[in-house]
Amino acid sequence: MLDRLASRLAVAALRLPAARTRRIVVTRDVAVRARDGVILRTDHYAPDLPGAPTVLIRTPYGRGGPMRLLCRIAAEQGFHVVIQSCRGTGGSGGSFDPFAFERDDGLDTLDWLRRQRWWGGAFGMFGASYQGFVQWALAADAGGELRAMVAVATASATRDSTYAGESFALDTVLTWVELLQAQTVPWLARQWELKRGQPRLVAALSHLPLVEADRVATGVTVPFFQEWLRQHTPQADYWRSRVFDDRLHLVRAPVAMVSGWHDIFLPAQLRDYAALRAVGARPRLTVGPWTHGSPGLFVAALRAGLSWLDAHLTSSAGTGTPPAAPVRVHVGGTGGGWRDLPDWPPPARLTRWHLHPGSALRTAAAVPSPPDGFRYDPADPTPSLGGPLLVAQRAGPVDNRPVERRADVLTWTSEPLTDALEVIGPVRAEIHLRSELAYLDVFVRLCDVDHRGRSWNVCDGLVRVDPQRFPVDSAGVCAVPVEMWPTAHRFAPGHRLRLQVSGGAHPRYARNPGTGEPLGAAVTLRGGYREILHDPDRPSAVVLPVVDSASQPSPSRIQRL
């Protein structure tokens, strides 16, 4: 009764389509046996509609709470909903080893589905984050019975997101480790830890060596965290069986992708989109003003996902409402709004904004000028502020003035804009530097400075520099290309562009100790001075994809996603 009431309230509050049926039979803790004998605990939400298609959700986050509500809502829309706890979680047997078993366990679950008397021969998949990864693990081998996917804030390969710029996404990884471990502790103990501000996790994010950080955060050693510290090089065999981006060309099911501009997996998800487009697929892409765990992302994904699954799984698939635009993005900043695009990225004019003397940022060519420099000390690391983080409450755009006041952060700022500047697409920076240390990080962030002087982060990126990847020239200078998060942002008239350059963003990224010691074992911290060059021979710049707003479709009304 409570589940039915909660479903009705959620449907009304979120403006979801009216239920097709309220009669749902729920069977919990079904034992699905994997090929190695491990039992995968599974719940089945069955509507009283003949021939209903199936929606499969596989998750390491449990089958209760919000997932229970989501499953009932989807079942009331006319789907058999099957939700399964990944091995080692939620009562399923075995040990949780991220990404390792998801292909085989997914195929075994599909084989079980085919043997059920209510199986209608077609299914779709839905899920966010890790729930999206397990979709990609299965998709290439699922055959024609897979008719639709809804991949939310996720990617087919998580290795590059874990080691963004060949650094280590410490905040995301360790926070996720703590979140998974917290599912094994009593509810009251968990609430007390959250109320205290998670002091163990906070301490672990600053702890060295990193090989001990999991025990500091959770009280136990977490095997996969230890592996990720060891297997961090691009050549590591460990990741080859745990990524599925090389099999995207085999996926035939229509895919809807939903993400946010400040999502931790956005660059990887957009690479998935490009890979599907390259083989002729037409995925649907929606990118909004959301962070990884924000409520807005959940609501948008639910609306878009139910619509997508209905369009491709029901008997009326392909009829009725005309198709929506293949790409829909929210343009941030003043005067932005939703835009419908034919593809991603849209046509744009690549414009170089050069670093100039006097902390100026200009489109004019670089001029003869001495470098600017700063000292980075990993014992007092430059803090991260907002941006793409796992925890929604700390992520997204924030006023960057506190960090910009630090001596270890350099900024270059444009004059106030006379006209609006619309930037939509991939963003990159090219930084020329000289450092007294061979091992260092380069963090670059683009900000929008408003009329009140507040500096709002738009997008950023980090690269870990070592002598093998970035050899220096005869003057001791190396050029560092920094791939930044893609964006869609409108800089309003009177606003200014600002570029930050610093030596890190801790704890979002593990601090670079400056010694070249192994990632997990490093304990010695060595500070050092570095210079950013911006003369005609070494023109450091940020490259922005500028679109002509007059040629773009006018901002569409904010519609239900």
Protein backbone atom coordinates (compact mmCIF):
# COMPACT_ATOMS: atom_id res chain seq x y z
CA MET A 1 0.00 0.00 0.00
CA LEU A 2 2.77 2.46 0.92
CA ASP A 3 4.65 1.66 -2.31
CA ARG A 4 1.53 2.35 -4.37
CA LEU A 5 0.92 5.64 -2.58
CA ALA A 6 4.55 6.72 -2.98
CA SER A 7 4.37 5.89 -6.67
CA ARG A 8 1.25 8.00 -7.21
CA LEU A 9 2.76 10.94 -5.37
CA ALA A 10 6.04 10.68 -7.34
CA VAL A 11 4.25 10.44 -10.70
CA ALA A 12 2.25 13.57 -9.90
CA ALA A 13 5.21 15.53 -8.47
CA LEU A 14 7.54 14.65 -11.35
CA ARG A 15 4.86 15.05 -14.04
CA LEU A 16 5.37 11.55 -15.38
CA PRO A 17 2.89 9.82 -17.72
CA ALA A 18 -0.16 8.33 -16.05
CA ALA A 19 0.15 4.70 -14.99
CA ARG A 20 -1.14 2.07 -17.39
CA THR A 21 -1.84 -0.27 -14.50
CA ARG A 22 -1.75 -0.16 -10.71
CA ARG A 23 -1.80 -3.91 -10.31
CA ILE A 24 1.79 -4.96 -9.75
CA VAL A 25 2.94 -8.27 -8.31
CA VAL A 26 6.35 -8.06 -6.67
CA THR A 27 8.52 -11.14 -6.13
CA ARG A 28 11.62 -10.44 -4.07
CA ASP A 29 14.94 -12.23 -3.58
CA VAL A 30 14.63 -14.52 -6.57
CA ALA A 31 17.77 -16.67 -6.86
CA VAL A 32 19.35 -16.33 -10.31
CA ARG A 33 22.29 -18.71 -10.63
CA ALA A 34 25.38 -17.53 -12.52
CA ARG A 35 27.53 -19.96 -14.51
CA ASP A 36 29.97 -20.39 -11.61
CA GLY A 37 27.18 -21.15 -9.15
CA VAL A 38 27.01 -17.73 -7.51
CA ILE A 39 23.46 -16.67 -6.61
CA LEU A 40 22.45 -13.21 -7.83
CA ARG A 41 19.53 -11.88 -5.81
CA THR A 42 16.81 -10.41 -7.99
CA ASP A 43 13.42 -8.70 -7.61
CA HIS A 44 10.67 -8.91 -10.22
CA TYR A 45 7.92 -6.29 -10.61
CA ALA A 46 5.21 -7.79 -12.84
CA PRO A 47 2.36 -5.72 -14.32
CA ASP A 48 -0.95 -7.38 -15.10
CA LEU A 49 -0.55 -6.62 -18.81
CA PRO A 50 -0.15 -9.48 -21.29
CA GLY A 51 2.95 -9.44 -23.48
CA ALA A 52 4.64 -6.66 -21.50
CA PRO A 53 8.32 -6.14 -22.38
CA THR A 54 11.08 -6.27 -19.78
CA VAL A 55 13.37 -3.63 -18.33
CA LEU A 56 16.56 -4.93 -16.69
CA ILE A 57 18.44 -2.99 -14.02
CA ARG A 58 21.61 -4.41 -12.50
CA THR A 59 23.04 -2.46 -9.58
CA PRO A 60 25.57 -2.60 -6.72
CA TYR A 61 23.54 -0.08 -4.70
CA GLY A 62 20.79 -2.27 -3.32
CA ARG A 63 17.22 -2.87 -4.44
CA GLY A 64 15.45 -0.79 -1.79
CA GLY A 65 14.90 2.89 -1.21
CA PRO A 66 14.70 5.01 -4.36
CA MET A 67 15.29 1.98 -6.59
CA ARG A 68 12.20 0.31 -5.19
CA LEU A 69 10.13 3.36 -6.11
CA LEU A 70 11.68 3.61 -9.56
CA CYS A 71 10.91 -0.05 -10.28
CA ARG A 72 7.27 0.32 -9.29
CA ILE A 73 6.85 3.46 -11.40
CA ALA A 74 8.34 1.69 -14.42
CA ALA A 75 6.20 -1.41 -13.85
CA GLU A 76 3.08 0.75 -13.70
CA GLN A 77 4.09 2.10 -17.11
CA GLY A 78 3.69 -1.42 -18.48
CA PHE A 79 7.08 -3.11 -18.11
CA HIS A 80 8.22 -6.23 -16.33
CA VAL A 81 10.99 -4.70 -14.22
CA VAL A 82 13.81 -6.99 -13.15
CA ILE A 83 16.32 -5.48 -10.74
CA GLN A 84 19.34 -7.49 -9.68
CA SER A 85 22.10 -6.86 -7.16
CA CYS A 86 25.55 -7.28 -8.67
CA ARG A 87 27.60 -10.09 -7.15
CA GLY A 88 28.96 -9.31 -3.74
CA THR A 89 26.29 -6.65 -3.07
CA GLY A 90 22.70 -6.51 -1.86
CA GLY A 91 22.57 -10.15 -0.75
CA SER A 92 24.06 -11.61 -3.94
CA GLY A 93 26.84 -14.15 -3.50
CA GLY A 94 30.47 -13.81 -4.44
CA SER A 95 32.75 -10.82 -3.98
CA PHE A 96 32.30 -7.44 -5.60
CA ASP A 97 35.11 -6.83 -8.08
CA PRO A 98 34.14 -3.77 -10.14
CA PHE A 99 33.62 -4.44 -13.86
CA ALA A 100 35.13 -7.94 -13.74
CA PHE A 101 31.98 -10.12 -13.86
CA GLU A 102 29.36 -7.84 -15.35
CA ARG A 103 29.45 -9.23 -18.89
CA ASP A 104 29.14 -12.87 -17.84
CA ASP A 105 26.63 -12.18 -15.07
CA GLY A 106 24.58 -10.08 -17.45
CA LEU A 107 24.52 -12.84 -20.07
CA ASP A 108 23.54 -15.41 -17.43
CA THR A 109 20.72 -13.14 -16.28
CA LEU A 110 19.53 -12.75 -19.88
CA ASP A 111 19.52 -16.54 -20.23
CA TRP A 112 17.38 -16.74 -17.08
CA LEU A 113 14.98 -14.14 -18.49
CA ARG A 114 14.49 -16.19 -21.65
CA ARG A 115 13.31 -19.13 -19.55
CA GLN A 116 10.58 -17.21 -17.73
CA ARG A 117 6.99 -17.87 -18.75
CA TRP A 118 6.24 -14.12 -18.83
CA TRP A 119 9.21 -13.35 -21.13
CA GLY A 120 7.99 -11.52 -24.23
CA GLY A 121 11.16 -11.70 -26.29
CA ALA A 122 12.27 -8.07 -25.95
CA PHE A 123 13.97 -6.08 -23.23
CA GLY A 124 15.60 -2.77 -22.50
CA MET A 125 18.09 -1.62 -19.90
CA PHE A 126 18.13 1.43 -17.66
CA GLY A 127 20.55 2.82 -15.13
CA ALA A 128 22.93 5.52 -13.97
CA SER A 129 26.63 5.44 -13.16
CA TYR A 130 27.67 1.83 -12.45
CA GLN A 131 24.19 0.70 -13.50
CA GLY A 132 25.01 2.19 -16.89
CA PHE A 133 28.38 0.51 -17.13
CA VAL A 134 26.81 -2.92 -16.71
CA GLN A 135 24.61 -2.13 -19.70
CA TRP A 136 27.66 -1.59 -21.91
CA ALA A 137 29.22 -4.78 -20.54
CA LEU A 138 26.25 -6.76 -21.87
CA ALA A 139 25.06 -4.76 -24.88
CA ALA A 140 27.36 -6.08 -27.62
CA ASP A 141 26.43 -9.71 -26.85
CA ALA A 142 22.74 -9.34 -26.04
CA GLY A 143 21.53 -9.93 -29.58
CA GLY A 144 18.38 -8.61 -31.20
CA GLU A 145 16.29 -9.05 -28.06
CA LEU A 146 17.91 -5.92 -26.63
CA ARG A 147 15.74 -3.14 -28.08
CA ALA A 148 16.72 -0.07 -26.04
CA MET A 149 19.26 1.31 -23.57
CA VAL A 150 19.11 4.31 -21.27
CA ALA A 151 22.66 5.12 -20.15
CA VAL A 152 22.73 7.89 -17.53
CA ALA A 153 25.91 9.62 -16.36
CA THR A 154 28.03 6.65 -17.33
CA ALA A 155 30.46 5.33 -19.94
CA SER A 156 31.58 2.10 -21.55
CA ALA A 157 35.12 2.60 -20.22
CA THR A 158 35.85 4.02 -16.78
CA ARG A 159 39.61 3.66 -16.81
CA ASP A 160 40.25 7.11 -18.32
CA SER A 161 37.86 8.74 -15.84
CA THR A 162 39.61 7.02 -12.94
CA TYR A 163 43.00 8.26 -14.13
CA ALA A 164 41.94 11.54 -15.71
CA GLY A 165 44.97 13.14 -17.31
CA GLU A 166 46.93 10.12 -15.97
CA SER A 167 46.45 11.43 -12.45
CA PHE A 168 44.12 9.67 -10.00
CA ALA A 169 40.52 10.74 -9.29
CA LEU A 170 41.03 10.38 -5.54
CA ASP A 171 37.84 12.04 -4.30
CA THR A 172 35.60 10.08 -6.65
CA VAL A 173 37.25 6.72 -6.08
CA LEU A 174 37.67 6.90 -2.31
CA THR A 175 34.21 8.37 -1.79
CA TRP A 176 32.78 5.50 -3.87
CA VAL A 177 34.77 2.97 -1.84
CA GLU A 178 33.34 4.44 1.36
CA LEU A 179 29.82 4.49 -0.09
CA LEU A 180 29.96 0.81 -1.04
CA GLN A 181 31.38 -0.21 2.32
CA ALA A 182 28.73 1.85 4.13
CA GLN A 183 26.06 -0.46 2.69
CA THR A 184 27.38 -3.21 4.97
CA VAL A 185 27.05 -1.26 8.25
CA PRO A 186 23.86 -0.77 10.33
CA TRP A 187 21.61 2.09 9.24
CA LEU A 188 21.91 4.04 12.50
CA ALA A 189 25.70 3.83 12.45
CA ARG A 190 25.69 5.16 8.90
CA GLN A 191 23.44 8.08 9.80
CA TRP A 192 25.71 8.99 12.71
CA GLU A 193 28.74 8.98 10.44
CA LEU A 194 26.98 11.27 7.95
CA LYS A 195 25.87 13.61 10.74
CA ARG A 196 29.47 13.90 11.93
CA GLY A 197 30.56 14.95 8.43
CA GLN A 198 32.29 11.65 7.58
CA PRO A 199 35.51 12.47 9.48
CA ARG A 200 37.13 9.15 8.53
CA LEU A 201 36.66 9.85 4.83
CA VAL A 202 37.95 13.40 5.23
CA ALA A 203 41.05 12.11 7.00
CA ALA A 204 41.58 9.43 4.35
CA LEU A 205 41.54 11.97 1.51
CA SER A 206 44.58 13.67 3.04
CA HIS A 207 46.35 10.50 4.18
CA LEU A 208 49.63 9.20 2.78
CA PRO A 209 50.52 6.69 1.58
CA LEU A 210 47.36 6.20 -0.47
CA VAL A 211 47.71 2.44 -0.05
CA GLU A 212 46.43 2.95 3.51
CA ALA A 213 43.63 5.39 2.64
CA ASP A 214 40.92 2.75 2.20
CA ARG A 215 41.52 1.40 5.69
CA VAL A 216 41.47 4.92 7.15
CA ALA A 217 38.14 5.64 5.42
CA THR A 218 36.37 2.34 6.03
CA GLY A 219 38.31 0.35 8.62
CA VAL A 220 39.09 -2.41 6.12
CA THR A 221 41.40 -2.97 3.19
CA VAL A 222 39.44 -2.90 -0.07
CA PRO A 223 41.01 -5.20 -2.66
CA PHE A 224 39.89 -3.35 -5.79
CA PHE A 225 41.12 -0.01 -4.39
CA GLN A 226 44.53 -1.58 -3.88
CA GLU A 227 44.46 -2.90 -7.45
CA TRP A 228 43.57 0.50 -8.85
CA LEU A 229 46.57 2.04 -7.11
CA ARG A 230 48.84 -0.64 -8.57
CA GLN A 231 47.31 -0.84 -12.06
CA HIS A 232 47.40 2.84 -12.93
CA THR A 233 49.61 2.84 -16.03
CA PRO A 234 47.97 2.98 -19.49
CA GLN A 235 49.59 -0.35 -20.39
CA ALA A 236 48.13 -2.25 -17.41
CA ASP A 237 46.49 -5.52 -18.50
CA TYR A 238 44.10 -5.26 -15.56
CA TRP A 239 41.81 -2.81 -17.38
CA ARG A 240 41.66 -4.55 -20.77
CA SER A 241 38.91 -6.93 -19.68
CA ARG A 242 37.12 -4.24 -17.68
CA VAL A 243 36.39 -1.73 -20.43
CA PHE A 244 34.03 -2.17 -23.37
CA ASP A 245 34.60 0.85 -25.59
CA ASP A 246 36.22 -1.35 -28.24
CA ARG A 247 32.91 -3.20 -28.75
CA LEU A 248 30.56 -0.26 -29.23
CA HIS A 249 30.40 -0.93 -32.98
CA LEU A 250 28.64 -4.23 -32.18
CA VAL A 251 25.80 -2.59 -30.24
CA ARG A 252 22.61 -2.47 -32.30
CA ALA A 253 20.10 -1.29 -29.70
CA PRO A 254 19.01 2.38 -29.80
CA VAL A 255 20.73 4.27 -26.98
CA ALA A 256 19.54 7.29 -25.03
CA MET A 257 22.30 9.10 -23.15
CA VAL A 258 21.67 11.56 -20.33
CA SER A 259 24.41 13.47 -18.54
CA GLY A 260 25.35 16.80 -16.96
CA TRP A 261 28.02 19.36 -17.75
CA HIS A 262 29.59 18.75 -14.33
CA ASP A 263 29.35 14.97 -14.40
CA ILE A 264 32.47 12.92 -13.64
CA PHE A 265 31.98 10.69 -16.72
CA LEU A 266 30.96 13.36 -19.26
CA PRO A 267 34.09 13.30 -21.49
CA ALA A 268 34.00 9.50 -21.68
CA GLN A 269 30.25 9.45 -22.35
CA LEU A 270 30.64 11.91 -25.21
CA ARG A 271 33.37 9.70 -26.66
CA ASP A 272 30.83 6.85 -26.56
CA TYR A 273 28.39 9.07 -28.43
CA ALA A 274 31.01 9.87 -31.08
CA ALA A 275 31.90 6.19 -31.46
CA LEU A 276 28.27 5.23 -32.03
CA ARG A 277 27.81 8.04 -34.53
CA ALA A 278 30.94 6.91 -36.38
CA VAL A 279 29.31 3.55 -37.18
CA GLY A 280 26.03 5.10 -38.28
CA ALA A 281 24.01 4.84 -35.06
CA ARG A 282 21.73 7.65 -33.97
CA PRO A 283 21.87 7.82 -30.17
CA ARG A 284 19.79 10.41 -28.34
CA LEU A 285 21.93 12.75 -26.23
CA THR A 286 20.74 15.07 -23.45
CA VAL A 287 23.20 17.12 -21.40
CA GLY A 288 21.82 19.43 -18.75
CA PRO A 289 22.98 21.68 -15.90
CA TRP A 290 23.48 18.72 -13.59
CA THR A 291 26.11 17.03 -11.47
CA HIS A 292 26.60 13.28 -11.05
CA GLY A 293 24.13 12.68 -8.26
CA SER A 294 21.88 15.71 -8.52
CA PRO A 295 18.09 15.32 -8.20
CA GLY A 296 17.65 17.16 -11.49
CA LEU A 297 19.63 14.51 -13.31
CA PHE A 298 17.53 11.74 -11.75
CA VAL A 299 14.26 13.41 -12.75
CA ALA A 300 15.45 14.12 -16.29
CA ALA A 301 16.72 10.57 -16.69
CA LEU A 302 13.47 9.09 -15.45
CA ARG A 303 11.38 11.18 -17.83
CA ALA A 304 13.62 10.64 -20.83
CA GLY A 305 14.21 6.99 -19.99
CA LEU A 306 10.57 6.00 -19.66
CA SER A 307 9.79 7.77 -22.92
CA TRP A 308 12.68 6.06 -24.71
CA LEU A 309 11.81 2.62 -23.41
CA ASP A 310 8.17 3.07 -24.32
CA ALA A 311 9.07 4.22 -27.83
CA HIS A 312 11.27 1.20 -28.53
CA LEU A 313 9.73 -1.61 -26.49
CA THR A 314 5.97 -1.31 -26.69
CA SER A 315 3.68 -2.44 -29.48
CA SER A 316 3.17 1.19 -30.49
CA ALA A 317 6.91 1.75 -30.98
CA GLY A 318 7.65 4.02 -33.90
CA THR A 319 4.16 5.55 -34.03
CA GLY A 320 2.58 8.59 -32.49
CA THR A 321 4.65 11.59 -31.48
CA PRO A 322 7.31 12.87 -33.89
CA PRO A 323 10.92 12.17 -32.93
CA ALA A 324 12.71 14.70 -30.78
CA ALA A 325 15.97 16.33 -31.78
CA PRO A 326 18.90 13.89 -31.56
CA VAL A 327 20.86 16.23 -29.27
CA ARG A 328 19.50 18.50 -26.57
CA VAL A 329 21.83 20.58 -24.43
CA HIS A 330 21.38 23.21 -21.77
CA VAL A 331 23.48 26.30 -22.34
CA GLY A 332 24.61 27.66 -18.99
CA GLY A 333 25.30 31.24 -18.04
CA THR A 334 23.06 34.27 -18.28
CA GLY A 335 20.54 34.04 -21.12
CA GLY A 336 21.27 30.44 -22.03
CA GLY A 337 18.60 27.77 -21.93
CA TRP A 338 17.83 24.57 -23.79
CA ARG A 339 18.99 24.09 -27.37
CA ASP A 340 18.08 21.39 -29.88
CA LEU A 341 21.00 20.38 -32.10
CA PRO A 342 21.34 18.00 -35.04
CA ASP A 343 24.55 16.48 -33.68
CA TRP A 344 27.36 16.88 -31.17
CA PRO A 345 29.47 18.92 -31.27
CA PRO A 346 27.79 21.65 -33.33
CA PRO A 347 29.78 23.61 -35.93
CA ALA A 348 31.97 26.14 -34.14
CA ARG A 349 34.78 28.58 -34.74
CA LEU A 350 37.85 27.60 -32.73
CA THR A 351 39.07 30.75 -31.04
CA ARG A 352 42.37 31.00 -29.18
CA TRP A 353 42.42 33.18 -26.08
CA HIS A 354 46.07 33.83 -25.35
CA LEU A 355 47.75 34.47 -22.03
CA HIS A 356 49.21 37.99 -22.00
CA PRO A 357 51.36 39.94 -19.56
CA GLY A 358 49.56 41.72 -16.76
CA SER A 359 47.28 38.71 -16.15
CA ALA A 360 45.31 39.55 -19.30
CA LEU A 361 43.44 37.05 -21.47
CA ARG A 362 43.00 38.16 -25.09
CA THR A 363 42.25 36.84 -28.54
CA ALA A 364 45.19 38.89 -29.86
CA ALA A 365 48.37 36.95 -30.60
CA ALA A 366 50.87 36.43 -27.82
CA VAL A 367 53.43 39.20 -27.35
CA PRO A 368 57.01 39.15 -26.06
CA SER A 369 56.72 38.86 -22.30
CA PRO A 370 58.43 37.27 -19.31
CA PRO A 371 56.82 34.14 -17.87
CA ASP A 372 54.62 34.12 -14.79
CA GLY A 373 55.46 31.69 -12.02
CA PHE A 374 54.34 30.16 -8.76
CA ARG A 375 55.47 27.59 -6.23
CA TYR A 376 53.37 24.49 -5.64
CA ASP A 377 53.72 22.69 -2.31
CA PRO A 378 52.01 19.27 -2.09
CA ALA A 379 52.15 19.56 1.70
CA ASP A 380 49.67 22.43 1.31
CA PRO A 381 47.97 21.40 -1.94
CA THR A 382 45.83 23.73 -3.98
CA PRO A 383 42.27 22.75 -3.01
CA SER A 384 39.58 21.66 -5.43
CA LEU A 385 36.43 23.74 -5.46
CA GLY A 386 33.24 22.53 -7.12
CA GLY A 387 33.33 21.04 -10.60
CA PRO A 388 32.70 17.38 -11.51
CA LEU A 389 32.56 15.44 -8.24
CA LEU A 390 30.77 12.29 -7.12
CA VAL A 391 28.86 14.04 -4.31
CA ALA A 392 26.27 16.40 -5.77
CA GLN A 393 26.23 18.76 -2.78
CA ARG A 394 29.88 19.72 -3.36
CA ALA A 395 29.87 19.64 -7.15
CA GLY A 396 29.03 22.08 -9.92
CA PRO A 397 29.62 25.81 -10.31
CA VAL A 398 30.85 27.69 -7.24
CA ASP A 399 32.50 31.06 -6.65
CA ASN A 400 36.21 30.46 -7.17
CA ARG A 401 37.49 33.65 -5.58
CA PRO A 402 38.71 31.90 -2.40
CA VAL A 403 41.05 29.63 -4.36
CA GLU A 404 42.05 32.39 -6.78
CA ARG A 405 43.42 34.42 -3.88
CA ARG A 406 46.04 31.75 -3.21
CA ALA A 407 49.63 32.42 -4.24
CA ASP A 408 49.80 29.04 -6.00
CA VAL A 409 47.01 29.91 -8.45
CA LEU A 410 47.66 32.13 -11.48
CA THR A 411 44.80 33.79 -13.32
CA TRP A 412 44.39 35.61 -16.63
CA THR A 413 41.21 37.63 -17.17
CA SER A 414 39.65 39.23 -20.24
CA GLU A 415 38.17 42.69 -20.56
CA PRO A 416 34.40 42.88 -20.08
CA LEU A 417 32.65 41.48 -23.13
CA THR A 418 30.79 43.93 -25.33
CA ASP A 419 28.70 41.13 -26.87
CA ALA A 420 27.60 37.73 -25.63
CA LEU A 421 30.00 34.88 -26.29
CA GLU A 422 28.54 31.42 -26.71
CA VAL A 423 30.87 28.46 -26.26
CA ILE A 424 29.53 24.99 -27.15
CA GLY A 425 31.76 21.95 -27.64
CA PRO A 426 35.10 20.49 -26.57
CA VAL A 427 37.51 22.84 -24.79
CA ARG A 428 41.26 22.48 -24.58
CA ALA A 429 44.24 24.43 -23.30
CA GLU A 430 47.85 24.49 -24.43
CA ILE A 431 50.24 25.40 -21.64
CA HIS A 432 53.97 25.93 -22.08
CA LEU A 433 55.87 25.58 -18.82
CA ARG A 434 59.27 25.28 -17.25
CA SER A 435 59.59 23.53 -13.88
CA GLU A 436 62.40 22.83 -11.45
CA LEU A 437 60.72 19.46 -10.85
CA ALA A 438 60.29 16.83 -13.53
CA TYR A 439 57.10 15.48 -11.94
CA LEU A 440 54.14 17.84 -11.59
CA ASP A 441 50.47 18.41 -12.42
CA VAL A 442 48.92 21.12 -14.55
CA PHE A 443 45.34 22.10 -13.65
CA VAL A 444 43.51 24.53 -15.93
CA ARG A 445 40.05 25.96 -15.27
CA LEU A 446 37.85 28.34 -17.29
CA CYS A 447 35.59 30.66 -15.28
CA ASP A 448 32.83 33.19 -15.97
CA VAL A 449 33.35 36.39 -13.96
CA ASP A 450 30.06 38.20 -13.44
CA HIS A 451 29.27 41.86 -12.79
CA ARG A 452 29.86 41.40 -9.06
CA GLY A 453 33.29 39.87 -9.59
CA ARG A 454 32.24 36.35 -8.70
CA SER A 455 34.23 33.76 -10.63
CA TRP A 456 32.07 30.74 -11.59
CA ASN A 457 33.82 27.64 -12.87
CA VAL A 458 32.65 26.52 -16.32
CA CYS A 459 34.98 23.64 -17.18
CA ASP A 460 38.45 22.38 -16.35
CA GLY A 461 41.03 19.63 -16.81
CA LEU A 462 44.24 18.26 -15.33
CA VAL A 463 47.31 16.56 -16.80
CA ARG A 464 50.02 14.70 -14.88
CA VAL A 465 53.45 15.53 -16.30
CA ASP A 466 56.46 13.22 -16.20
CA PRO A 467 59.70 13.20 -18.24
CA GLN A 468 58.68 10.20 -20.34
CA ARG A 469 55.39 11.68 -21.57
CA PHE A 470 56.53 15.30 -21.73
CA PRO A 471 60.21 15.71 -22.59
CA VAL A 472 61.58 19.23 -22.33
CA ASP A 473 63.31 21.17 -25.07
CA SER A 474 66.78 22.72 -24.92
CA ALA A 475 65.40 25.57 -22.81
CA GLY A 476 63.82 23.19 -20.30
CA VAL A 477 60.30 23.94 -21.56
CA CYS A 478 57.56 21.43 -22.33
CA ALA A 479 54.22 21.92 -24.01
CA VAL A 480 51.28 20.38 -22.12
CA PRO A 481 47.95 19.90 -23.94
CA VAL A 482 45.10 19.85 -21.44
CA GLU A 483 41.79 18.30 -22.50
CA MET A 484 39.13 20.11 -20.50
CA TRP A 485 35.53 19.12 -19.86
CA PRO A 486 33.25 19.89 -22.82
CA THR A 487 30.77 22.66 -22.16
CA ALA A 488 27.84 24.72 -23.38
CA HIS A 489 27.98 28.18 -21.82
CA ARG A 490 26.96 31.71 -22.67
CA PHE A 491 29.20 34.49 -21.37
CA ALA A 492 26.90 37.51 -21.09
CA PRO A 493 27.81 41.07 -22.13
CA GLY A 494 29.75 42.74 -19.35
CA HIS A 495 31.07 39.41 -18.04
CA ARG A 496 34.72 38.44 -18.29
CA LEU A 497 36.51 35.19 -19.08
CA ARG A 498 39.09 33.98 -16.61
CA LEU A 499 41.62 31.18 -16.95
CA GLN A 500 43.20 29.61 -13.88
CA VAL A 501 46.45 27.65 -13.97
CA SER A 502 47.64 25.83 -10.85
CA GLY A 503 49.52 22.75 -9.73
CA GLY A 504 46.58 20.61 -8.66
CA ALA A 505 43.04 20.36 -7.32
CA HIS A 506 43.09 18.27 -4.14
CA PRO A 507 41.37 16.02 -3.15
CA ARG A 508 39.52 15.76 -6.45
CA TYR A 509 42.82 14.62 -7.90
CA ALA A 510 45.53 12.96 -5.84
CA ARG A 511 48.27 15.50 -5.22
CA ASN A 512 51.46 15.05 -7.18
CA PRO A 513 54.24 14.47 -4.61
CA GLY A 514 56.84 15.84 -7.06
CA THR A 515 59.12 12.83 -6.62
CA GLY A 516 57.98 10.30 -9.20
CA GLU A 517 57.26 7.73 -6.47
CA PRO A 518 54.59 5.10 -7.21
CA LEU A 519 51.00 6.30 -6.82
CA GLY A 520 50.09 4.16 -3.82
CA ALA A 521 53.43 4.25 -1.98
CA ALA A 522 54.42 7.93 -2.23
CA VAL A 523 55.03 9.60 1.12
CA THR A 524 57.74 12.17 0.38
CA LEU A 525 56.36 15.58 -0.64
CA ARG A 526 58.58 17.90 -2.67
CA GLY A 527 57.49 21.41 -3.58
CA GLY A 528 58.82 23.28 -6.56
CA TYR A 529 58.67 26.42 -8.65
CA ARG A 530 57.29 26.46 -12.17
CA GLU A 531 56.84 29.12 -14.83
CA ILE A 532 54.05 29.54 -17.39
CA LEU A 533 55.38 30.94 -20.66
CA HIS A 534 53.23 33.04 -23.01
CA ASP A 535 55.44 34.61 -25.65
CA PRO A 536 55.16 34.30 -29.46
CA ASP A 537 57.38 31.19 -29.51
CA ARG A 538 55.43 29.53 -26.69
CA PRO A 539 51.90 30.97 -26.87
CA SER A 540 49.97 29.43 -24.00
CA ALA A 541 46.24 29.66 -24.66
CA VAL A 542 42.80 28.20 -24.14
CA VAL A 543 40.95 27.15 -27.29
CA LEU A 544 37.20 27.74 -27.22
CA PRO A 545 34.56 26.48 -29.69
CA VAL A 546 32.59 29.67 -30.33
CA VAL A 547 29.21 29.41 -32.04
CA ASP A 548 27.37 32.17 -33.77
CA SER A 549 24.28 32.55 -31.61
CA ALA A 550 22.45 34.20 -34.50
CA SER A 551 22.81 31.03 -36.59
CA GLN A 552 21.84 28.69 -33.77
CA PRO A 553 18.28 27.63 -33.07
CA SER A 554 16.70 30.04 -30.64
CA PRO A 555 16.61 28.75 -27.07
CA SER A 556 13.74 26.34 -26.82
CA ARG A 557 11.28 26.51 -24.03
CA ILE A 558 12.23 24.39 -21.06
CA GLN A 559 10.22 21.26 -21.68
CA ARG A 560 9.92 18.04 -19.80
CA LEU A 561 12.93 15.86 -20.57
